[in-house]
Amino acid sequence: MARHGFSCGIMAVALVLSLVYSSLVVPSSAELQKLEHSIKDDGSLSLLVVGDWGRKGAYNQTHVAAQMGKIGKELNIDFVVSTGDNFYENGLTGITDEAFEDSFTNIYTAESLQKQWYSVLGNHDYRGDVLAQLSPVLQGVDSRWLCLRSFVLNAGEDDPHLGLANRLRADLDSALEASRAAWKVVVGHHTIRSVSIHGDTKELHASLLPVLKAHGVDLYVNGHDHCLEHISSDDRYRSNVSLQA
């Protein structure tokens, strides 16, 4: 993915947020993370997106990694975005879990992939030690790794954590309102719309999509559905790109 004409760097790939519908909740304050990444001298920025990949090389992971290396070199990518489900089946057991190197460091070895990886968390990651993926210790093992705190929300009306969900949406609304990025991209794990096996996530369609549309977000990038989709609505709003390896 290459974009030209950025007026400034990209902000958390304009903004990185993972809103996942689940019964699990990570106790955390409603604080979104925002990152900036510098652009090339010609004003362009190139990246790869991959999701649902952590298989210790199985399920064609090594083959996909090899192709990513070739495309990454061709595009001269600046970084990689991971949309979650980074380590199957049950996340990491801790910061010393060998799965980190078996599924990441020892797989994505191409020179072109030795760039910063910005990762969010998926539902399989939440089955394990979430704090391990967020730990700076893993950056000492592989400096490419940066996992961004995400928030798992149960959007049921009687959910005691509904207040947190509302605050997160309000924070996202404020962040997008304040953003002056030429391109606004939001990254999460779960789908908003999908024609594949998991289908739409009705909670995100009802609560997240209106916020994205209100602020002219160009792209919502997600994983979860193990397919490649490009979905646009009738009003030509680019509402969802579903990507995975």
C-alpha atoms as a PDB file:
ATOM      1  CA  MET A   1       0.000   0.000   0.000  1.00  0.00           C
ATOM      2  CA  ALA A   2       1.612   3.248  -1.105  1.00  0.00           C
ATOM      3  CA  ARG A   3       0.176   6.724  -0.578  1.00  0.00           C
ATOM      4  CA  HIS A   4       1.494  10.023  -1.878  1.00  0.00           C
ATOM      5  CA  GLY A   5       0.960  13.621  -0.850  1.00  0.00           C
ATOM      6  CA  PHE A   6       1.015  13.321   2.938  1.00  0.00           C
ATOM      7  CA  SER A   7       1.042  16.761   4.510  1.00  0.00           C
ATOM      8  CA  CYS A   8       2.795  15.326   7.558  1.00  0.00           C
ATOM      9  CA  GLY A   9       3.740  11.949   8.947  1.00  0.00           C
ATOM     10  CA  ILE A  10       1.189   9.240   9.505  1.00  0.00           C
ATOM     11  CA  MET A  11      -0.448   9.277  12.909  1.00  0.00           C
ATOM     12  CA  ALA A  12      -0.638   5.837  14.467  1.00  0.00           C
ATOM     13  CA  VAL A  13      -1.157   4.865  10.871  1.00  0.00           C
ATOM     14  CA  ALA A  14      -3.202   7.888  11.504  1.00  0.00           C
ATOM     15  CA  LEU A  15      -4.680   6.262  14.575  1.00  0.00           C
ATOM     16  CA  VAL A  16      -4.469   2.714  15.818  1.00  0.00           C
ATOM     17  CA  LEU A  17      -7.335   1.330  17.849  1.00  0.00           C
ATOM     18  CA  SER A  18      -8.598  -2.177  18.405  1.00  0.00           C
ATOM     19  CA  LEU A  19     -12.254  -2.390  19.359  1.00  0.00           C
ATOM     20  CA  VAL A  20     -13.134  -6.029  19.816  1.00  0.00           C
ATOM     21  CA  TYR A  21     -16.516  -7.463  20.815  1.00  0.00           C
ATOM     22  CA  SER A  22     -15.858 -10.002  23.536  1.00  0.00           C
ATOM     23  CA  SER A  23     -16.821 -10.948  27.077  1.00  0.00           C
ATOM     24  CA  LEU A  24     -13.264 -10.247  28.203  1.00  0.00           C
ATOM     25  CA  VAL A  25     -12.234  -6.847  29.468  1.00  0.00           C
ATOM     26  CA  VAL A  26      -8.741  -5.493  30.004  1.00  0.00           C
ATOM     27  CA  PRO A  27      -8.823  -3.108  32.982  1.00  0.00           C
ATOM     28  CA  SER A  28      -7.377   0.096  31.639  1.00  0.00           C
ATOM     29  CA  SER A  29      -8.122   3.754  31.412  1.00  0.00           C
ATOM     30  CA  ALA A  30      -9.688   4.968  28.199  1.00  0.00           C
ATOM     31  CA  GLU A  31      -6.530   6.287  26.585  1.00  0.00           C
ATOM     32  CA  LEU A  32      -5.795   5.909  22.905  1.00  0.00           C
ATOM     33  CA  GLN A  33      -2.280   5.572  21.579  1.00  0.00           C
ATOM     34  CA  LYS A  34      -1.159   7.779  18.733  1.00  0.00           C
ATOM     35  CA  LEU A  35       2.058   7.343  16.807  1.00  0.00           C
ATOM     36  CA  GLU A  36       3.710   9.278  14.033  1.00  0.00           C
ATOM     37  CA  HIS A  37       5.856   7.784  11.299  1.00  0.00           C
ATOM     38  CA  SER A  38       8.015   9.878   9.011  1.00  0.00           C
ATOM     39  CA  ILE A  39       7.521   9.820   5.251  1.00  0.00           C
ATOM     40  CA  LYS A  40      10.013   9.392   2.414  1.00  0.00           C
ATOM     41  CA  ASP A  41      11.639  12.360   0.714  1.00  0.00           C
ATOM     42  CA  ASP A  42       9.182  12.062  -2.177  1.00  0.00           C
ATOM     43  CA  GLY A  43       6.235  12.363   0.217  1.00  0.00           C
ATOM     44  CA  SER A  44       5.188   8.716  -0.033  1.00  0.00           C
ATOM     45  CA  LEU A  45       4.648   6.059   2.590  1.00  0.00           C
ATOM     46  CA  SER A  46       4.469   2.317   1.891  1.00  0.00           C
ATOM     47  CA  LEU A  47       3.406  -0.452   4.238  1.00  0.00           C
ATOM     48  CA  LEU A  48       2.274  -4.043   4.417  1.00  0.00           C
ATOM     49  CA  VAL A  49      -0.686  -5.277   6.446  1.00  0.00           C
ATOM     50  CA  VAL A  50      -0.954  -8.831   7.745  1.00  0.00           C
ATOM     51  CA  GLY A  51      -3.197 -10.509  10.294  1.00  0.00           C
ATOM     52  CA  ASP A  52      -4.004 -13.856  11.891  1.00  0.00           C
ATOM     53  CA  TRP A  53      -0.512 -15.141  11.258  1.00  0.00           C
ATOM     54  CA  GLY A  54       1.144 -16.645  14.353  1.00  0.00           C
ATOM     55  CA  ARG A  55       1.345 -20.329  13.398  1.00  0.00           C
ATOM     56  CA  LYS A  56       5.017 -21.188  14.022  1.00  0.00           C
ATOM     57  CA  GLY A  57       5.436 -21.421  10.270  1.00  0.00           C
ATOM     58  CA  ALA A  58       2.496 -23.748   9.627  1.00  0.00           C
ATOM     59  CA  TYR A  59      -0.626 -23.059   7.553  1.00  0.00           C
ATOM     60  CA  ASN A  60       1.530 -21.497   4.807  1.00  0.00           C
ATOM     61  CA  GLN A  61       2.895 -18.817   7.141  1.00  0.00           C
ATOM     62  CA  THR A  62       6.453 -19.280   5.874  1.00  0.00           C
ATOM     63  CA  HIS A  63       5.289 -19.077   2.242  1.00  0.00           C
ATOM     64  CA  VAL A  64       3.357 -15.872   2.921  1.00  0.00           C
ATOM     65  CA  ALA A  65       6.363 -14.434   4.770  1.00  0.00           C
ATOM     66  CA  ALA A  66       8.570 -15.122   1.745  1.00  0.00           C
ATOM     67  CA  GLN A  67       6.150 -13.311  -0.564  1.00  0.00           C
ATOM     68  CA  MET A  68       5.880 -10.432   1.903  1.00  0.00           C
ATOM     69  CA  GLY A  69       9.653 -10.133   1.743  1.00  0.00           C
ATOM     70  CA  LYS A  70       9.579  -9.861  -2.057  1.00  0.00           C
ATOM     71  CA  ILE A  71       6.754  -7.308  -2.123  1.00  0.00           C
ATOM     72  CA  GLY A  72       8.301  -5.405   0.768  1.00  0.00           C
ATOM     73  CA  LYS A  73      11.513  -4.998  -1.220  1.00  0.00           C
ATOM     74  CA  GLU A  74       9.651  -3.983  -4.374  1.00  0.00           C
ATOM     75  CA  LEU A  75       7.647  -1.320  -2.538  1.00  0.00           C
ATOM     76  CA  ASN A  76      10.499  -0.274  -0.240  1.00  0.00           C
ATOM     77  CA  ILE A  77       8.079  -0.434   2.678  1.00  0.00           C
ATOM     78  CA  ASP A  78       8.379   1.809   5.703  1.00  0.00           C
ATOM     79  CA  PHE A  79       6.684  -0.471   8.239  1.00  0.00           C
ATOM     80  CA  VAL A  80       4.293  -3.397   8.744  1.00  0.00           C
ATOM     81  CA  VAL A  81       0.899  -3.370  10.465  1.00  0.00           C
ATOM     82  CA  SER A  82      -0.429  -6.497  12.181  1.00  0.00           C
ATOM     83  CA  THR A  83      -4.184  -6.647  12.749  1.00  0.00           C
ATOM     84  CA  GLY A  84      -4.055  -9.170  15.588  1.00  0.00           C
ATOM     85  CA  ASP A  85      -4.271 -12.872  16.364  1.00  0.00           C
ATOM     86  CA  ASN A  86      -0.515 -12.676  16.452  1.00  0.00           C
ATOM     87  CA  PHE A  87       0.011 -15.982  18.268  1.00  0.00           C
ATOM     88  CA  TYR A  88      -2.266 -18.999  17.897  1.00  0.00           C
ATOM     89  CA  GLU A  89      -4.050 -20.682  19.488  1.00  0.00           C
ATOM     90  CA  ASN A  90      -3.918 -19.026  22.874  1.00  0.00           C
ATOM     91  CA  GLY A  91      -1.627 -16.003  22.674  1.00  0.00           C
ATOM     92  CA  LEU A  92       1.655 -16.006  24.583  1.00  0.00           C
ATOM     93  CA  THR A  93       2.134 -17.686  27.951  1.00  0.00           C
ATOM     94  CA  GLY A  94       4.579 -14.979  29.035  1.00  0.00           C
ATOM     95  CA  ILE A  95       7.557 -12.899  27.970  1.00  0.00           C
ATOM     96  CA  THR A  96       9.765 -16.003  27.696  1.00  0.00           C
ATOM     97  CA  ASP A  97       7.350 -17.942  25.487  1.00  0.00           C
ATOM     98  CA  GLU A  98       9.353 -19.389  22.582  1.00  0.00           C
ATOM     99  CA  ALA A  99       6.327 -18.864  20.337  1.00  0.00           C
ATOM    100  CA  PHE A 100       7.369 -15.218  19.964  1.00  0.00           C
ATOM    101  CA  GLU A 101      10.519 -16.168  18.091  1.00  0.00           C
ATOM    102  CA  ASP A 102       9.036 -19.291  16.504  1.00  0.00           C
ATOM    103  CA  SER A 103       6.125 -17.349  14.990  1.00  0.00           C
ATOM    104  CA  PHE A 104       7.679 -13.918  14.468  1.00  0.00           C
ATOM    105  CA  THR A 105      11.445 -13.451  14.631  1.00  0.00           C
ATOM    106  CA  ASN A 106      12.369 -16.691  12.873  1.00  0.00           C
ATOM    107  CA  ILE A 107       9.659 -16.365  10.215  1.00  0.00           C
ATOM    108  CA  TYR A 108       9.812 -12.787   8.950  1.00  0.00           C
ATOM    109  CA  THR A 109      13.511 -12.844   8.142  1.00  0.00           C
ATOM    110  CA  ALA A 110      13.600 -11.012   4.793  1.00  0.00           C
ATOM    111  CA  GLU A 111      15.693  -7.855   4.809  1.00  0.00           C
ATOM    112  CA  SER A 112      12.734  -5.772   3.634  1.00  0.00           C
ATOM    113  CA  LEU A 113      10.709  -6.851   6.687  1.00  0.00           C
ATOM    114  CA  GLN A 114      13.309  -5.641   9.179  1.00  0.00           C
ATOM    115  CA  LYS A 115      11.213  -2.543   9.762  1.00  0.00           C
ATOM    116  CA  GLN A 116       8.973  -1.441  12.601  1.00  0.00           C
ATOM    117  CA  TRP A 117       5.933  -3.664  13.158  1.00  0.00           C
ATOM    118  CA  TYR A 118       2.878  -2.002  14.697  1.00  0.00           C
ATOM    119  CA  SER A 119       0.581  -4.663  16.140  1.00  0.00           C
ATOM    120  CA  VAL A 120      -2.826  -4.718  17.768  1.00  0.00           C
ATOM    121  CA  LEU A 121      -4.336  -7.633  19.648  1.00  0.00           C
ATOM    122  CA  GLY A 122      -6.898 -10.177  18.470  1.00  0.00           C
ATOM    123  CA  ASN A 123      -9.266 -12.490  20.298  1.00  0.00           C
ATOM    124  CA  HIS A 124      -6.761 -15.368  20.263  1.00  0.00           C
ATOM    125  CA  ASP A 125      -4.140 -13.099  21.831  1.00  0.00           C
ATOM    126  CA  TYR A 126      -6.492 -12.381  24.722  1.00  0.00           C
ATOM    127  CA  ARG A 127      -6.598 -16.073  25.590  1.00  0.00           C
ATOM    128  CA  GLY A 128      -3.014 -15.762  26.797  1.00  0.00           C
ATOM    129  CA  ASP A 129      -0.853 -13.257  28.644  1.00  0.00           C
ATOM    130  CA  VAL A 130      -1.838  -9.948  27.066  1.00  0.00           C
ATOM    131  CA  LEU A 131       0.724  -7.997  29.063  1.00  0.00           C
ATOM    132  CA  ALA A 132       3.494 -10.151  27.591  1.00  0.00           C
ATOM    133  CA  GLN A 133       2.775  -8.856  24.085  1.00  0.00           C
ATOM    134  CA  LEU A 134       2.653  -5.305  25.421  1.00  0.00           C
ATOM    135  CA  SER A 135       5.881  -5.702  27.388  1.00  0.00           C
ATOM    136  CA  PRO A 136       8.989  -3.757  26.296  1.00  0.00           C
ATOM    137  CA  VAL A 137      10.941  -6.915  27.131  1.00  0.00           C
ATOM    138  CA  LEU A 138       9.896  -8.358  23.770  1.00  0.00           C
ATOM    139  CA  GLN A 139      11.356  -5.316  22.045  1.00  0.00           C
ATOM    140  CA  GLY A 140      14.666  -6.390  23.546  1.00  0.00           C
ATOM    141  CA  VAL A 141      14.227  -9.797  21.918  1.00  0.00           C
ATOM    142  CA  ASP A 142      13.229  -8.283  18.563  1.00  0.00           C
ATOM    143  CA  SER A 143      13.390  -4.508  18.185  1.00  0.00           C
ATOM    144  CA  ARG A 144      10.836  -4.534  15.351  1.00  0.00           C
ATOM    145  CA  TRP A 145       8.018  -5.470  17.717  1.00  0.00           C
ATOM    146  CA  LEU A 146       5.649  -2.842  19.070  1.00  0.00           C
ATOM    147  CA  CYS A 147       2.262  -3.976  20.319  1.00  0.00           C
ATOM    148  CA  LEU A 148      -0.280  -1.236  20.921  1.00  0.00           C
ATOM    149  CA  ARG A 149      -2.690  -1.478  23.818  1.00  0.00           C
ATOM    150  CA  SER A 150      -6.147  -2.334  22.609  1.00  0.00           C
ATOM    151  CA  PHE A 151      -9.450  -2.511  24.390  1.00  0.00           C
ATOM    152  CA  VAL A 152     -11.827  -5.457  24.473  1.00  0.00           C
ATOM    153  CA  LEU A 153     -15.383  -4.317  24.898  1.00  0.00           C
ATOM    154  CA  ASN A 154     -18.646  -6.083  25.603  1.00  0.00           C
ATOM    155  CA  ALA A 155     -21.224  -3.745  24.159  1.00  0.00           C
ATOM    156  CA  GLY A 156     -24.238  -5.252  25.937  1.00  0.00           C
ATOM    157  CA  GLU A 157     -26.582  -2.693  27.456  1.00  0.00           C
ATOM    158  CA  ASP A 158     -26.244  -4.193  30.938  1.00  0.00           C
ATOM    159  CA  ASP A 159     -22.486  -4.448  30.773  1.00  0.00           C
ATOM    160  CA  PRO A 160     -20.885  -2.630  33.738  1.00  0.00           C
ATOM    161  CA  HIS A 161     -18.011  -1.702  31.419  1.00  0.00           C
ATOM    162  CA  LEU A 162     -20.302   0.114  29.001  1.00  0.00           C
ATOM    163  CA  GLY A 163     -19.046   3.401  30.453  1.00  0.00           C
ATOM    164  CA  LEU A 164     -15.510   2.506  29.367  1.00  0.00           C
ATOM    165  CA  ALA A 165     -16.764   1.685  25.893  1.00  0.00           C
ATOM    166  CA  ASN A 166     -18.509   5.032  25.669  1.00  0.00           C
ATOM    167  CA  ARG A 167     -15.395   6.879  26.865  1.00  0.00           C
ATOM    168  CA  LEU A 168     -13.254   5.088  24.285  1.00  0.00           C
ATOM    169  CA  ARG A 169     -15.631   6.035  21.511  1.00  0.00           C
ATOM    170  CA  ALA A 170     -15.636   9.609  22.787  1.00  0.00           C
ATOM    171  CA  ASP A 171     -11.822   9.622  22.840  1.00  0.00           C
ATOM    172  CA  LEU A 172     -11.718   8.246  19.302  1.00  0.00           C
ATOM    173  CA  ASP A 173     -14.204  10.889  18.210  1.00  0.00           C
ATOM    174  CA  SER A 174     -12.063  13.635  19.755  1.00  0.00           C
ATOM    175  CA  ALA A 175      -8.806  12.266  18.319  1.00  0.00           C
ATOM    176  CA  LEU A 176     -10.214  12.062  14.805  1.00  0.00           C
ATOM    177  CA  GLU A 177     -11.726  15.519  15.129  1.00  0.00           C
ATOM    178  CA  ALA A 178      -8.338  16.953  16.109  1.00  0.00           C
ATOM    179  CA  SER A 179      -6.367  15.029  13.484  1.00  0.00           C
ATOM    180  CA  ARG A 180      -5.057  17.009  10.534  1.00  0.00           C
ATOM    181  CA  ALA A 181      -3.573  13.967   8.821  1.00  0.00           C
ATOM    182  CA  ALA A 182      -4.054  13.865   5.066  1.00  0.00           C
ATOM    183  CA  TRP A 183      -5.004  10.197   5.384  1.00  0.00           C
ATOM    184  CA  LYS A 184      -6.827   8.763   8.367  1.00  0.00           C
ATOM    185  CA  VAL A 185      -6.571   5.025   8.913  1.00  0.00           C
ATOM    186  CA  VAL A 186      -8.016   3.094  11.849  1.00  0.00           C
ATOM    187  CA  VAL A 187      -6.765  -0.414  12.589  1.00  0.00           C
ATOM    188  CA  GLY A 188      -8.620  -3.049  14.586  1.00  0.00           C
ATOM    189  CA  HIS A 189      -8.915  -6.817  14.682  1.00  0.00           C
ATOM    190  CA  HIS A 190     -12.611  -7.527  14.186  1.00  0.00           C
ATOM    191  CA  THR A 191     -14.621  -6.798  11.077  1.00  0.00           C
ATOM    192  CA  ILE A 192     -17.121  -4.004  10.673  1.00  0.00           C
ATOM    193  CA  ARG A 193     -18.552  -5.519   7.490  1.00  0.00           C
ATOM    194  CA  SER A 194     -17.631  -8.870   5.982  1.00  0.00           C
ATOM    195  CA  VAL A 195     -19.070 -11.382   3.526  1.00  0.00           C
ATOM    196  CA  SER A 196     -16.900 -14.181   4.905  1.00  0.00           C
ATOM    197  CA  ILE A 197     -17.504 -16.729   7.646  1.00  0.00           C
ATOM    198  CA  HIS A 198     -17.660 -14.402  10.667  1.00  0.00           C
ATOM    199  CA  GLY A 199     -19.732 -11.804   8.886  1.00  0.00           C
ATOM    200  CA  ASP A 200     -20.465  -8.331  10.194  1.00  0.00           C
ATOM    201  CA  THR A 201     -19.712  -7.290  13.759  1.00  0.00           C
ATOM    202  CA  LYS A 202     -23.023  -5.609  14.474  1.00  0.00           C
ATOM    203  CA  GLU A 203     -21.747  -3.768  17.546  1.00  0.00           C
ATOM    204  CA  LEU A 204     -18.942  -2.100  15.578  1.00  0.00           C
ATOM    205  CA  HIS A 205     -21.248  -1.404  12.662  1.00  0.00           C
ATOM    206  CA  ALA A 206     -23.622   0.386  15.012  1.00  0.00           C
ATOM    207  CA  SER A 207     -21.161   2.255  17.212  1.00  0.00           C
ATOM    208  CA  LEU A 208     -17.808   2.564  15.430  1.00  0.00           C
ATOM    209  CA  LEU A 209     -18.696   3.032  11.763  1.00  0.00           C
ATOM    210  CA  PRO A 210     -20.710   6.243  12.352  1.00  0.00           C
ATOM    211  CA  VAL A 211     -17.681   7.787  14.095  1.00  0.00           C
ATOM    212  CA  LEU A 212     -15.378   6.851  11.225  1.00  0.00           C
ATOM    213  CA  LYS A 213     -17.779   8.252   8.643  1.00  0.00           C
ATOM    214  CA  ALA A 214     -18.352  11.457  10.595  1.00  0.00           C
ATOM    215  CA  HIS A 215     -14.636  12.247  10.515  1.00  0.00           C
ATOM    216  CA  GLY A 216     -13.866  11.136   6.980  1.00  0.00           C
ATOM    217  CA  VAL A 217     -11.671   8.187   7.910  1.00  0.00           C
ATOM    218  CA  ASP A 218     -10.280   6.819   4.665  1.00  0.00           C
ATOM    219  CA  LEU A 219      -9.720   3.242   5.703  1.00  0.00           C
ATOM    220  CA  TYR A 220     -10.585   0.752   8.427  1.00  0.00           C
ATOM    221  CA  VAL A 221      -8.160  -2.173   8.331  1.00  0.00           C
ATOM    222  CA  ASN A 222      -8.886  -5.413  10.174  1.00  0.00           C
ATOM    223  CA  GLY A 223      -8.228  -9.135  10.254  1.00  0.00           C
ATOM    224  CA  HIS A 224     -10.220 -11.926  11.958  1.00  0.00           C
ATOM    225  CA  ASP A 225     -12.071 -13.316   8.937  1.00  0.00           C
ATOM    226  CA  HIS A 226      -9.098 -15.054   7.284  1.00  0.00           C
ATOM    227  CA  CYS A 227      -9.751 -13.660   3.834  1.00  0.00           C
ATOM    228  CA  LEU A 228      -8.993 -10.655   1.640  1.00  0.00           C
ATOM    229  CA  GLU A 229     -11.845  -8.212   1.107  1.00  0.00           C
ATOM    230  CA  HIS A 230     -12.289  -4.637  -0.037  1.00  0.00           C
ATOM    231  CA  ILE A 231     -15.730  -3.400   0.974  1.00  0.00           C
ATOM    232  CA  SER A 232     -17.237  -0.046   0.066  1.00  0.00           C
ATOM    233  CA  SER A 233     -20.714   1.212   0.878  1.00  0.00           C
ATOM    234  CA  ASP A 234     -23.183   2.689  -1.600  1.00  0.00           C
ATOM    235  CA  ASP A 235     -22.229   6.206  -0.575  1.00  0.00           C
ATOM    236  CA  ARG A 236     -18.677   5.460  -1.776  1.00  0.00           C
ATOM    237  CA  TYR A 237     -17.341   5.575   1.767  1.00  0.00           C
ATOM    238  CA  ARG A 238     -14.414   3.152   2.016  1.00  0.00           C
ATOM    239  CA  SER A 239     -15.601   1.476   5.164  1.00  0.00           C
ATOM    240  CA  ASN A 240     -13.528  -1.665   5.495  1.00  0.00           C
ATOM    241  CA  VAL A 241     -10.528  -3.530   4.211  1.00  0.00           C
ATOM    242  CA  SER A 242     -10.248  -7.032   5.656  1.00  0.00           C
ATOM    243  CA  LEU A 243      -6.749  -8.485   5.365  1.00  0.00           C
ATOM    244  CA  GLN A 244      -4.974 -11.584   6.624  1.00  0.00           C
ATOM    245  CA  ALA A 245      -2.104 -13.857   5.718  1.00  0.00           C
END
